[in-house]
Amino acid sequence: LVTLVGSGGVGKTRLAQQVAADVAESYVDGAWFCELSEEVTAEGVARRIASTLRLDERVDLGATERVIEVLRTQRALLVLDNCEHAVGAVADVVDRLLSGTQAVTVLATSRERLAAHGEHLWQVAPLALPPDPQPDAPPLKLFADRAAAARPRVRVGPAERAPGAGGCRRPGRVAPAVGPASGPDRAPWPRG
């Protein structure tokens, strides 16, 4: 379990998607992206994971047990996004999932740690913006990519990136639209 932790909009989702894309081939049973922003209970989290895995419900098993049953011997990557909405519930499900499977890796994104057993934290900080940034500076390119994903008809070229630098320089601020456009339908890697 690795949890990418950082403030909202800093790019945790995008980083998780890129990491998953980079390592997906090493997970023979698939890499799955699961958005958790609306789940607040352990059962809701487990049902969302089961839905992401396209599992049928079983009357004789709860959602967590069903996910464990299917993933027990699989080598899979499960990306859990926006865990801050249900930290305790996610930690409970992840603890049970990892103790009940042999080769599942969980990559989580959250504004706070899950406090799950064996959790490794990776602090995601805002991209540094040089004093006189070029339009292709990584923070401005990330801003442009996220803005384009959020509004495909809007063109964000080099000339439009410069005003974004002001927003990136304000204390405690990251460029708007960095994180919000990410989601399960935009994952650039196979989901299994």
C-alpha atoms as a PDB file:
ATOM      1  CA  LEU A   1       0.000   0.000   0.000  1.00  0.00           C
ATOM      2  CA  VAL A   2       1.371   3.329  -1.119  1.00  0.00           C
ATOM      3  CA  THR A   3      -0.654   6.470  -0.441  1.00  0.00           C
ATOM      4  CA  LEU A   4       0.031   9.627  -2.414  1.00  0.00           C
ATOM      5  CA  VAL A   5      -0.771  12.443   0.027  1.00  0.00           C
ATOM      6  CA  GLY A   6      -1.110  16.132  -0.776  1.00  0.00           C
ATOM      7  CA  SER A   7      -3.427  19.104  -0.914  1.00  0.00           C
ATOM      8  CA  GLY A   8      -6.367  19.239  -3.287  1.00  0.00           C
ATOM      9  CA  GLY A   9      -5.494  19.897  -6.928  1.00  0.00           C
ATOM     10  CA  VAL A  10      -1.788  19.214  -6.490  1.00  0.00           C
ATOM     11  CA  GLY A  11      -1.806  16.370  -9.032  1.00  0.00           C
ATOM     12  CA  LYS A  12      -2.166  13.187  -6.937  1.00  0.00           C
ATOM     13  CA  THR A  13      -4.619  11.609  -9.369  1.00  0.00           C
ATOM     14  CA  ARG A  14      -2.505  12.429 -12.390  1.00  0.00           C
ATOM     15  CA  LEU A  15       0.603  11.054 -10.678  1.00  0.00           C
ATOM     16  CA  ALA A  16      -1.247   7.853  -9.723  1.00  0.00           C
ATOM     17  CA  GLN A  17      -2.455   7.438 -13.311  1.00  0.00           C
ATOM     18  CA  GLN A  18       1.063   7.932 -14.663  1.00  0.00           C
ATOM     19  CA  VAL A  19       2.567   5.491 -12.169  1.00  0.00           C
ATOM     20  CA  ALA A  20      -0.129   2.952 -13.060  1.00  0.00           C
ATOM     21  CA  ALA A  21       0.513   3.451 -16.777  1.00  0.00           C
ATOM     22  CA  ASP A  22       4.232   2.940 -16.219  1.00  0.00           C
ATOM     23  CA  VAL A  23       3.840  -0.316 -14.267  1.00  0.00           C
ATOM     24  CA  ALA A  24       0.590  -1.769 -15.677  1.00  0.00           C
ATOM     25  CA  GLU A  25       2.365  -4.384 -17.801  1.00  0.00           C
ATOM     26  CA  SER A  26       3.903  -5.970 -14.711  1.00  0.00           C
ATOM     27  CA  TYR A  27       0.413  -6.702 -13.336  1.00  0.00           C
ATOM     28  CA  VAL A  28      -0.711  -9.676 -15.405  1.00  0.00           C
ATOM     29  CA  ASP A  29      -4.248  -9.597 -13.997  1.00  0.00           C
ATOM     30  CA  GLY A  30      -4.798  -5.908 -14.645  1.00  0.00           C
ATOM     31  CA  ALA A  31      -4.607  -2.404 -13.293  1.00  0.00           C
ATOM     32  CA  TRP A  32      -7.857  -0.878 -12.085  1.00  0.00           C
ATOM     33  CA  PHE A  33      -8.823   2.745 -11.334  1.00  0.00           C
ATOM     34  CA  CYS A  34     -11.498   3.223  -8.675  1.00  0.00           C
ATOM     35  CA  GLU A  35     -12.916   6.674  -7.880  1.00  0.00           C
ATOM     36  CA  LEU A  36     -14.103   6.892  -4.255  1.00  0.00           C
ATOM     37  CA  SER A  37     -15.187  10.522  -3.855  1.00  0.00           C
ATOM     38  CA  GLU A  38     -18.795   9.593  -3.043  1.00  0.00           C
ATOM     39  CA  GLU A  39     -18.258   6.569  -0.794  1.00  0.00           C
ATOM     40  CA  VAL A  40     -18.291   6.987   2.985  1.00  0.00           C
ATOM     41  CA  THR A  41     -18.735   3.488   4.447  1.00  0.00           C
ATOM     42  CA  ALA A  42     -16.579   0.376   4.222  1.00  0.00           C
ATOM     43  CA  GLU A  43     -19.393  -1.484   2.468  1.00  0.00           C
ATOM     44  CA  GLY A  44     -19.784   1.399  -0.013  1.00  0.00           C
ATOM     45  CA  VAL A  45     -16.042   1.425  -0.696  1.00  0.00           C
ATOM     46  CA  ALA A  46     -16.028  -2.355  -1.219  1.00  0.00           C
ATOM     47  CA  ARG A  47     -19.067  -2.171  -3.519  1.00  0.00           C
ATOM     48  CA  ARG A  48     -17.399   0.529  -5.590  1.00  0.00           C
ATOM     49  CA  ILE A  49     -14.270  -1.614  -5.925  1.00  0.00           C
ATOM     50  CA  ALA A  50     -16.415  -4.627  -6.882  1.00  0.00           C
ATOM     51  CA  SER A  51     -18.209  -2.509  -9.480  1.00  0.00           C
ATOM     52  CA  THR A  52     -14.888  -1.299 -10.881  1.00  0.00           C
ATOM     53  CA  LEU A  53     -13.777  -4.930 -11.180  1.00  0.00           C
ATOM     54  CA  ARG A  54     -17.134  -5.697 -12.834  1.00  0.00           C
ATOM     55  CA  LEU A  55     -18.007  -8.337 -10.252  1.00  0.00           C
ATOM     56  CA  ASP A  56     -21.495  -9.726  -9.861  1.00  0.00           C
ATOM     57  CA  GLU A  57     -22.998  -9.462  -6.383  1.00  0.00           C
ATOM     58  CA  ARG A  58     -23.404 -12.650  -4.397  1.00  0.00           C
ATOM     59  CA  VAL A  59     -26.035 -13.037  -1.715  1.00  0.00           C
ATOM     60  CA  ASP A  60     -23.788 -15.280   0.384  1.00  0.00           C
ATOM     61  CA  LEU A  61     -20.814 -12.841   0.430  1.00  0.00           C
ATOM     62  CA  GLY A  62     -20.386  -9.205   1.390  1.00  0.00           C
ATOM     63  CA  ALA A  63     -18.704  -6.913  -1.118  1.00  0.00           C
ATOM     64  CA  THR A  64     -15.303  -6.996   0.615  1.00  0.00           C
ATOM     65  CA  GLU A  65     -15.299 -10.787   0.777  1.00  0.00           C
ATOM     66  CA  ARG A  66     -16.328 -10.963  -2.897  1.00  0.00           C
ATOM     67  CA  VAL A  67     -13.436  -8.707  -3.939  1.00  0.00           C
ATOM     68  CA  ILE A  68     -11.013 -10.773  -1.850  1.00  0.00           C
ATOM     69  CA  GLU A  69     -12.370 -14.011  -3.317  1.00  0.00           C
ATOM     70  CA  VAL A  70     -11.724 -12.806  -6.872  1.00  0.00           C
ATOM     71  CA  LEU A  71      -8.354 -11.133  -6.224  1.00  0.00           C
ATOM     72  CA  ARG A  72      -7.010 -13.759  -3.799  1.00  0.00           C
ATOM     73  CA  THR A  73      -4.393 -15.181  -6.211  1.00  0.00           C
ATOM     74  CA  GLN A  74      -4.265 -12.419  -8.811  1.00  0.00           C
ATOM     75  CA  ARG A  75      -1.375 -10.074  -9.480  1.00  0.00           C
ATOM     76  CA  ALA A  76      -3.247  -6.794  -9.831  1.00  0.00           C
ATOM     77  CA  LEU A  77      -2.870  -3.090  -9.175  1.00  0.00           C
ATOM     78  CA  LEU A  78      -5.781  -1.273  -7.615  1.00  0.00           C
ATOM     79  CA  VAL A  79      -5.678   2.539  -7.704  1.00  0.00           C
ATOM     80  CA  LEU A  80      -8.058   4.056  -5.145  1.00  0.00           C
ATOM     81  CA  ASP A  81      -8.605   7.756  -5.826  1.00  0.00           C
ATOM     82  CA  ASN A  82      -9.938  10.433  -3.449  1.00  0.00           C
ATOM     83  CA  CYS A  83      -9.742   8.331  -0.298  1.00  0.00           C
ATOM     84  CA  GLU A  84      -9.950  11.398   1.965  1.00  0.00           C
ATOM     85  CA  HIS A  85     -13.737  11.219   1.840  1.00  0.00           C
ATOM     86  CA  ALA A  86     -13.744   7.961   3.815  1.00  0.00           C
ATOM     87  CA  VAL A  87     -10.288   7.450   5.321  1.00  0.00           C
ATOM     88  CA  GLY A  88     -11.345   4.971   8.012  1.00  0.00           C
ATOM     89  CA  ALA A  89     -13.598   2.987   5.691  1.00  0.00           C
ATOM     90  CA  VAL A  90     -10.925   2.778   2.997  1.00  0.00           C
ATOM     91  CA  ALA A  91      -8.301   1.733   5.564  1.00  0.00           C
ATOM     92  CA  ASP A  92     -10.598  -1.042   6.819  1.00  0.00           C
ATOM     93  CA  VAL A  93     -11.258  -2.410   3.322  1.00  0.00           C
ATOM     94  CA  VAL A  94      -7.605  -2.120   2.266  1.00  0.00           C
ATOM     95  CA  ASP A  95      -6.390  -3.876   5.430  1.00  0.00           C
ATOM     96  CA  ARG A  96      -8.770  -6.773   4.796  1.00  0.00           C
ATOM     97  CA  LEU A  97      -8.008  -6.860   1.069  1.00  0.00           C
ATOM     98  CA  LEU A  98      -4.234  -6.928   1.475  1.00  0.00           C
ATOM     99  CA  SER A  99      -4.308  -9.514   4.247  1.00  0.00           C
ATOM    100  CA  GLY A 100      -6.621 -11.742   2.188  1.00  0.00           C
ATOM    101  CA  THR A 101      -4.754 -11.629  -1.132  1.00  0.00           C
ATOM    102  CA  GLN A 102      -1.317 -12.721  -2.258  1.00  0.00           C
ATOM    103  CA  ALA A 103      -0.162 -10.223  -4.888  1.00  0.00           C
ATOM    104  CA  VAL A 104      -2.423  -7.181  -4.954  1.00  0.00           C
ATOM    105  CA  THR A 105      -0.847  -3.735  -4.797  1.00  0.00           C
ATOM    106  CA  VAL A 106      -2.886  -0.710  -3.743  1.00  0.00           C
ATOM    107  CA  LEU A 107      -1.956   2.810  -4.800  1.00  0.00           C
ATOM    108  CA  ALA A 108      -4.183   5.340  -3.042  1.00  0.00           C
ATOM    109  CA  THR A 109      -4.590   9.097  -3.335  1.00  0.00           C
ATOM    110  CA  SER A 110      -5.739  11.143  -0.376  1.00  0.00           C
ATOM    111  CA  ARG A 111      -5.387  14.489   1.329  1.00  0.00           C
ATOM    112  CA  GLU A 112      -4.502  12.589   4.506  1.00  0.00           C
ATOM    113  CA  ARG A 113      -2.930   9.268   5.409  1.00  0.00           C
ATOM    114  CA  LEU A 114      -5.149   6.210   5.649  1.00  0.00           C
ATOM    115  CA  ALA A 115      -3.352   4.783   8.696  1.00  0.00           C
ATOM    116  CA  ALA A 116      -3.753   1.303   7.238  1.00  0.00           C
ATOM    117  CA  HIS A 117      -1.370  -1.516   8.157  1.00  0.00           C
ATOM    118  CA  GLY A 118       1.888  -1.329   6.177  1.00  0.00           C
ATOM    119  CA  GLU A 119       1.038   1.994   4.540  1.00  0.00           C
ATOM    120  CA  HIS A 120       3.882   3.857   2.842  1.00  0.00           C
ATOM    121  CA  LEU A 121       3.317   7.592   2.373  1.00  0.00           C
ATOM    122  CA  TRP A 122       4.505   9.633  -0.583  1.00  0.00           C
ATOM    123  CA  GLN A 123       4.042  13.382  -0.099  1.00  0.00           C
ATOM    124  CA  VAL A 124       3.016  15.068  -3.363  1.00  0.00           C
ATOM    125  CA  ALA A 125       4.062  18.709  -3.366  1.00  0.00           C
ATOM    126  CA  PRO A 126       3.055  21.343  -5.907  1.00  0.00           C
ATOM    127  CA  LEU A 127       5.368  21.615  -8.881  1.00  0.00           C
ATOM    128  CA  ALA A 128       7.893  24.398  -8.410  1.00  0.00           C
ATOM    129  CA  LEU A 129       7.418  27.378 -10.693  1.00  0.00           C
ATOM    130  CA  PRO A 130      10.568  29.264 -11.705  1.00  0.00           C
ATOM    131  CA  PRO A 131      10.587  33.070 -11.246  1.00  0.00           C
ATOM    132  CA  ASP A 132      10.292  33.698 -15.007  1.00  0.00           C
ATOM    133  CA  PRO A 133       8.624  30.541 -16.334  1.00  0.00           C
ATOM    134  CA  GLN A 134       8.599  29.553 -19.959  1.00  0.00           C
ATOM    135  CA  PRO A 135       5.215  28.457 -21.366  1.00  0.00           C
ATOM    136  CA  ASP A 136       6.427  24.834 -21.393  1.00  0.00           C
ATOM    137  CA  ALA A 137       7.355  24.836 -17.664  1.00  0.00           C
ATOM    138  CA  PRO A 138       5.965  21.626 -16.065  1.00  0.00           C
ATOM    139  CA  PRO A 139       3.451  23.377 -13.742  1.00  0.00           C
ATOM    140  CA  LEU A 140       2.040  25.427 -16.623  1.00  0.00           C
ATOM    141  CA  LYS A 141       1.936  22.425 -18.948  1.00  0.00           C
ATOM    142  CA  LEU A 142       0.095  20.456 -16.253  1.00  0.00           C
ATOM    143  CA  PHE A 143      -2.328  23.369 -15.870  1.00  0.00           C
ATOM    144  CA  ALA A 144      -2.920  23.450 -19.628  1.00  0.00           C
ATOM    145  CA  ASP A 145      -3.404  19.667 -19.839  1.00  0.00           C
ATOM    146  CA  ARG A 146      -5.939  19.650 -16.998  1.00  0.00           C
ATOM    147  CA  ALA A 147      -7.790  22.685 -18.364  1.00  0.00           C
ATOM    148  CA  ALA A 148      -8.003  21.047 -21.807  1.00  0.00           C
ATOM    149  CA  ALA A 149      -9.262  17.805 -20.242  1.00  0.00           C
ATOM    150  CA  ALA A 150     -11.901  19.691 -18.271  1.00  0.00           C
ATOM    151  CA  ARG A 151     -13.030  21.725 -21.284  1.00  0.00           C
ATOM    152  CA  PRO A 152     -11.945  20.048 -24.535  1.00  0.00           C
ATOM    153  CA  ARG A 153     -13.170  22.946 -26.706  1.00  0.00           C
ATOM    154  CA  VAL A 154     -10.995  25.466 -24.900  1.00  0.00           C
ATOM    155  CA  ARG A 155      -7.504  25.862 -26.323  1.00  0.00           C
ATOM    156  CA  VAL A 156      -4.814  26.510 -23.743  1.00  0.00           C
ATOM    157  CA  GLY A 157      -1.681  27.318 -25.671  1.00  0.00           C
ATOM    158  CA  PRO A 158       1.577  28.944 -24.580  1.00  0.00           C
ATOM    159  CA  ALA A 159       0.055  32.455 -24.593  1.00  0.00           C
ATOM    160  CA  GLU A 160      -2.800  31.352 -22.311  1.00  0.00           C
ATOM    161  CA  ARG A 161      -0.473  29.584 -19.876  1.00  0.00           C
ATOM    162  CA  ALA A 162       1.293  32.709 -18.604  1.00  0.00           C
ATOM    163  CA  PRO A 163      -1.723  34.020 -16.636  1.00  0.00           C
ATOM    164  CA  GLY A 164      -1.889  30.642 -14.898  1.00  0.00           C
ATOM    165  CA  ALA A 165       1.501  31.355 -13.365  1.00  0.00           C
ATOM    166  CA  GLY A 166      -0.004  34.003 -11.089  1.00  0.00           C
ATOM    167  CA  GLY A 167      -2.407  31.497  -9.594  1.00  0.00           C
ATOM    168  CA  CYS A 168       0.408  29.024  -9.070  1.00  0.00           C
ATOM    169  CA  ARG A 169       2.501  31.583  -7.171  1.00  0.00           C
ATOM    170  CA  ARG A 170      -0.059  32.537  -4.542  1.00  0.00           C
ATOM    171  CA  PRO A 171       0.740  30.908  -1.182  1.00  0.00           C
ATOM    172  CA  GLY A 172      -1.160  27.673  -0.687  1.00  0.00           C
ATOM    173  CA  ARG A 173      -2.498  27.686  -4.243  1.00  0.00           C
ATOM    174  CA  VAL A 174      -2.018  25.341  -7.144  1.00  0.00           C
ATOM    175  CA  ALA A 175      -3.263  25.954 -10.631  1.00  0.00           C
ATOM    176  CA  PRO A 176      -7.029  25.478 -10.887  1.00  0.00           C
ATOM    177  CA  ALA A 177      -8.224  22.479 -12.907  1.00  0.00           C
ATOM    178  CA  VAL A 178      -5.074  20.490 -12.183  1.00  0.00           C
ATOM    179  CA  GLY A 179      -6.925  17.616 -10.501  1.00  0.00           C
ATOM    180  CA  PRO A 180     -10.659  17.870 -11.216  1.00  0.00           C
ATOM    181  CA  ALA A 181     -10.693  16.555 -14.772  1.00  0.00           C
ATOM    182  CA  SER A 182      -9.137  13.218 -13.881  1.00  0.00           C
ATOM    183  CA  GLY A 183     -11.434  10.263 -13.573  1.00  0.00           C
ATOM    184  CA  PRO A 184     -12.015   6.638 -14.406  1.00  0.00           C
ATOM    185  CA  ASP A 185     -12.920   7.291 -18.036  1.00  0.00           C
ATOM    186  CA  ARG A 186      -9.760   9.246 -18.603  1.00  0.00           C
ATOM    187  CA  ALA A 187      -7.308   6.682 -17.226  1.00  0.00           C
ATOM    188  CA  PRO A 188      -4.517   6.306 -19.831  1.00  0.00           C
ATOM    189  CA  TRP A 189      -3.876   2.658 -18.980  1.00  0.00           C
ATOM    190  CA  PRO A 190      -5.856  -0.542 -19.114  1.00  0.00           C
ATOM    191  CA  ARG A 191      -8.267  -1.222 -16.276  1.00  0.00           C
ATOM    192  CA  GLY A 192      -8.017  -4.976 -16.570  1.00  0.00           C
END
